[in-house]
Amino acid sequence: MIGIRATAGALSGGLLLGILTNLAQGWIWIPDAWGQIANSGAVWSVAAFAAGSLLAKRLPTAAVAGLCAEVGLVVGYYGYAEFGRDGMGDLSFPLVWLALACIAGPLFGIAGSWWRHGCTTGRRAIGLAALAGVFGMEGIHYAWTLHYHPQAWACLTVMVLIPPLMARSHKEKALTLAAAVSFSLLAYTAIMFPLNHISA
């Protein structure tokens, strides 16, 4: 029963957040740097992380909740683009994001569960560092590849703020920040760098 409630809650939350991220791109009161990252993969990963941390203690349930949150985001975002705006255009974009959701959703759902329910400092730090690290990866991508420096600073600021705001102890904060920097560089090297060269 808990698994069903977690799945339904994650899917509903994802749908709502998907619509909101689509709407946020048109809100003029959001500074350009922050408006851009409203539609970033890092922000979308927050939904799966939150689903795993808030809705599930057991890792399989956390993985499913994270998956449902990410799938809900894709459906909400592109559903609103199709029916609330001028259409979503090429179908390949939602399919690519849906494939990524099937990978990132379970991973960040588990990371969220580790952060909130982990029984060791190391496990909690790794879970939180995964969230901070994805913002760091995007910050590197914005700075190094796209040369969008305001957006890069926005992402890197979020990465640096996550450990002191969310970790429980000074040791956990230090471990989280160190792991987040490592994860950022590793993720950029393993994921973004090859993708940039393939698409170039």
Protein backbone atom coordinates (compact mmCIF):
# COMPACT_ATOMS: atom_id res chain seq x y z
CA MET A 1 0.00 0.00 0.00
CA ILE A 2 2.85 2.38 0.83
CA GLY A 3 4.43 1.61 -2.55
CA ILE A 4 1.19 2.46 -4.36
CA ARG A 5 0.82 5.76 -2.50
CA ALA A 6 4.47 6.63 -3.14
CA THR A 7 4.12 5.85 -6.84
CA ALA A 8 0.92 7.87 -7.20
CA GLY A 9 2.33 10.80 -5.23
CA ALA A 10 5.57 10.81 -7.23
CA LEU A 11 3.76 10.65 -10.55
CA SER A 12 1.34 13.44 -9.59
CA GLY A 13 4.15 15.63 -8.27
CA GLY A 14 6.19 15.02 -11.40
CA LEU A 15 3.30 15.98 -13.67
CA LEU A 16 2.76 19.22 -11.75
CA LEU A 17 6.45 20.10 -11.73
CA GLY A 18 6.72 19.36 -15.45
CA ILE A 19 3.97 21.87 -16.16
CA LEU A 20 5.54 24.42 -13.81
CA THR A 21 8.99 24.14 -15.43
CA ASN A 22 7.39 24.74 -18.81
CA LEU A 23 5.56 27.78 -17.47
CA ALA A 24 8.64 29.09 -15.63
CA GLN A 25 10.47 29.70 -18.89
CA GLY A 26 8.03 32.46 -19.70
CA TRP A 27 8.01 34.19 -16.32
CA ILE A 28 9.73 37.53 -16.81
CA TRP A 29 10.42 38.05 -13.08
CA ILE A 30 12.88 35.13 -13.02
CA PRO A 31 16.44 36.30 -13.88
CA ASP A 32 17.74 34.84 -17.14
CA ALA A 33 20.32 32.60 -15.48
CA TRP A 34 17.76 31.05 -13.13
CA GLY A 35 15.04 30.89 -15.77
CA GLN A 36 17.31 28.75 -17.95
CA ILE A 37 18.05 26.22 -15.24
CA ALA A 38 14.34 25.91 -14.45
CA ASN A 39 14.31 23.62 -17.49
CA SER A 40 17.58 21.86 -16.76
CA GLY A 41 18.13 18.18 -16.19
CA ALA A 42 19.60 19.01 -12.77
CA VAL A 43 16.38 20.63 -11.60
CA TRP A 44 14.40 17.72 -12.96
CA SER A 45 16.60 15.36 -10.93
CA VAL A 46 15.41 17.13 -7.78
CA ALA A 47 11.95 15.63 -8.31
CA ALA A 48 13.25 12.06 -8.23
CA PHE A 49 15.51 12.86 -5.27
CA ALA A 50 12.58 14.36 -3.35
CA ALA A 51 10.35 11.42 -4.21
CA GLY A 52 12.92 8.96 -2.92
CA SER A 53 13.62 10.91 0.24
CA LEU A 54 10.04 11.78 1.18
CA LEU A 55 8.08 8.79 -0.02
CA ALA A 56 10.21 5.70 0.42
CA LYS A 57 12.53 4.03 2.93
CA ARG A 58 12.98 0.83 0.93
CA LEU A 59 15.31 1.17 -2.04
CA PRO A 60 13.09 -0.62 -4.60
CA THR A 61 10.21 1.69 -3.69
CA ALA A 62 12.52 4.71 -3.84
CA ALA A 63 13.70 3.68 -7.31
CA VAL A 64 10.12 3.31 -8.57
CA ALA A 65 9.09 6.62 -6.97
CA GLY A 66 12.04 8.36 -8.64
CA LEU A 67 11.14 6.80 -11.98
CA CYS A 68 7.51 7.89 -11.68
CA ALA A 69 8.52 11.43 -10.75
CA GLU A 70 10.80 11.75 -13.79
CA VAL A 71 8.30 10.20 -16.19
CA GLY A 72 5.65 12.55 -14.78
CA LEU A 73 7.95 15.50 -15.44
CA VAL A 74 8.42 14.56 -19.08
CA VAL A 75 4.72 13.93 -19.63
CA GLY A 76 3.71 17.13 -17.79
CA TYR A 77 6.26 19.30 -19.58
CA TYR A 78 5.60 18.06 -23.10
CA GLY A 79 1.88 17.57 -22.49
CA TYR A 80 1.59 21.24 -21.56
CA ALA A 81 3.79 22.18 -24.53
CA GLU A 82 1.42 20.27 -26.82
CA PHE A 83 -1.93 21.35 -25.39
CA GLY A 84 -1.15 24.61 -23.58
CA ARG A 85 1.26 26.16 -26.05
CA ASP A 86 1.88 25.82 -29.78
CA GLY A 87 2.72 22.13 -29.81
CA MET A 88 5.83 20.25 -28.78
CA GLY A 89 7.27 19.89 -32.26
CA ASP A 90 9.59 16.96 -32.97
CA LEU A 91 8.60 13.82 -31.07
CA SER A 92 12.25 12.80 -30.68
CA PHE A 93 12.83 15.30 -27.84
CA PRO A 94 10.26 13.85 -25.43
CA LEU A 95 11.42 10.34 -26.31
CA VAL A 96 15.04 11.20 -25.49
CA TRP A 97 13.99 12.80 -22.19
CA LEU A 98 11.79 9.81 -21.42
CA ALA A 99 14.75 7.45 -21.95
CA LEU A 100 16.90 9.63 -19.67
CA ALA A 101 14.11 9.65 -17.08
CA CYS A 102 14.20 5.86 -16.96
CA ILE A 103 17.89 6.03 -16.01
CA ALA A 104 18.06 9.14 -13.82
CA GLY A 105 14.75 8.60 -12.01
CA PRO A 106 15.67 5.39 -10.16
CA LEU A 107 19.23 6.60 -9.47
CA PHE A 108 18.15 9.88 -7.89
CA GLY A 109 15.24 8.21 -6.11
CA ILE A 110 17.72 5.90 -4.40
CA ALA A 111 20.06 8.84 -3.73
CA GLY A 112 17.23 10.68 -1.98
CA SER A 113 16.42 7.65 0.14
CA TRP A 114 20.09 7.22 1.06
CA TRP A 115 20.33 10.87 2.11
CA ARG A 116 17.27 10.79 4.34
CA HIS A 117 17.26 7.22 5.60
CA GLY A 118 20.92 6.19 5.28
CA CYS A 119 22.32 4.50 8.37
CA THR A 120 25.87 5.81 7.86
CA THR A 121 27.40 9.24 7.29
CA GLY A 122 29.07 7.98 4.11
CA ARG A 123 25.84 6.76 2.56
CA ARG A 124 23.99 9.97 3.42
CA ALA A 125 26.86 12.05 1.99
CA ILE A 126 26.95 10.05 -1.25
CA GLY A 127 23.20 10.38 -1.72
CA LEU A 128 23.29 14.14 -1.20
CA ALA A 129 26.46 14.52 -3.29
CA ALA A 130 24.66 12.93 -6.23
CA LEU A 131 22.13 15.77 -6.13
CA ALA A 132 24.76 18.48 -5.70
CA GLY A 133 26.99 16.87 -8.32
CA VAL A 134 24.39 16.98 -11.07
CA PHE A 135 24.21 20.76 -10.62
CA GLY A 136 27.99 20.90 -10.72
CA MET A 137 28.03 18.89 -13.95
CA GLU A 138 25.58 21.30 -15.54
CA GLY A 139 27.61 24.26 -14.28
CA ILE A 140 30.70 22.86 -15.99
CA HIS A 141 28.68 22.23 -19.15
CA TYR A 142 27.32 25.77 -19.21
CA ALA A 143 30.76 27.27 -18.58
CA TRP A 144 33.04 25.03 -20.63
CA THR A 145 30.87 23.99 -23.57
CA LEU A 146 28.09 26.56 -24.00
CA HIS A 147 29.89 29.60 -22.53
CA TYR A 148 26.73 30.62 -20.65
CA HIS A 149 28.53 32.03 -17.66
CA PRO A 150 25.56 33.40 -15.66
CA GLN A 151 23.84 30.01 -15.91
CA ALA A 152 27.09 28.30 -14.94
CA TRP A 153 27.40 30.41 -11.81
CA ALA A 154 23.77 29.72 -10.92
CA CYS A 155 24.29 25.94 -11.13
CA LEU A 156 27.61 26.02 -9.28
CA THR A 157 26.07 28.18 -6.56
CA VAL A 158 23.37 25.56 -6.02
CA MET A 159 26.01 22.81 -5.89
CA VAL A 160 27.99 24.64 -3.21
CA LEU A 161 24.90 25.51 -1.14
CA ILE A 162 23.39 22.01 -1.01
CA PRO A 163 25.92 20.45 1.43
CA PRO A 164 25.80 23.14 4.15
CA LEU A 165 22.02 23.49 3.88
CA MET A 166 21.08 19.80 3.78
CA ALA A 167 23.85 17.76 5.41
CA ARG A 168 23.49 16.95 9.11
CA SER A 169 26.96 17.41 10.56
CA HIS A 170 30.18 19.24 9.74
CA LYS A 171 31.80 15.96 8.74
CA GLU A 172 28.87 15.09 6.47
CA LYS A 173 28.95 18.56 4.90
CA ALA A 174 32.65 18.26 4.10
CA LEU A 175 32.27 14.74 2.70
CA THR A 176 29.27 15.78 0.63
CA LEU A 177 31.02 18.79 -0.90
CA ALA A 178 34.16 16.79 -1.72
CA ALA A 179 32.12 13.99 -3.28
CA ALA A 180 29.95 16.48 -5.19
CA VAL A 181 32.99 18.09 -6.81
CA SER A 182 34.30 14.65 -7.77
CA PHE A 183 30.89 13.55 -9.09
CA SER A 184 30.59 16.76 -11.12
CA LEU A 185 33.89 16.23 -12.89
CA LEU A 186 33.28 12.51 -13.36
CA ALA A 187 29.77 12.99 -14.74
CA TYR A 188 30.90 15.73 -17.13
CA THR A 189 33.80 13.59 -18.38
CA ALA A 190 31.76 10.42 -18.71
CA ILE A 191 28.47 11.85 -20.00
CA MET A 192 28.53 15.43 -21.27
CA PHE A 193 31.99 15.46 -22.86
CA PRO A 194 31.35 12.43 -25.11
CA LEU A 195 27.86 13.71 -26.02
CA ASN A 196 29.29 17.07 -27.04
CA HIS A 197 31.79 15.39 -29.35
CA ILE A 198 29.18 13.07 -30.86
CA SER A 199 26.86 15.98 -31.64
CA ALA A 200 29.68 18.23 -32.91
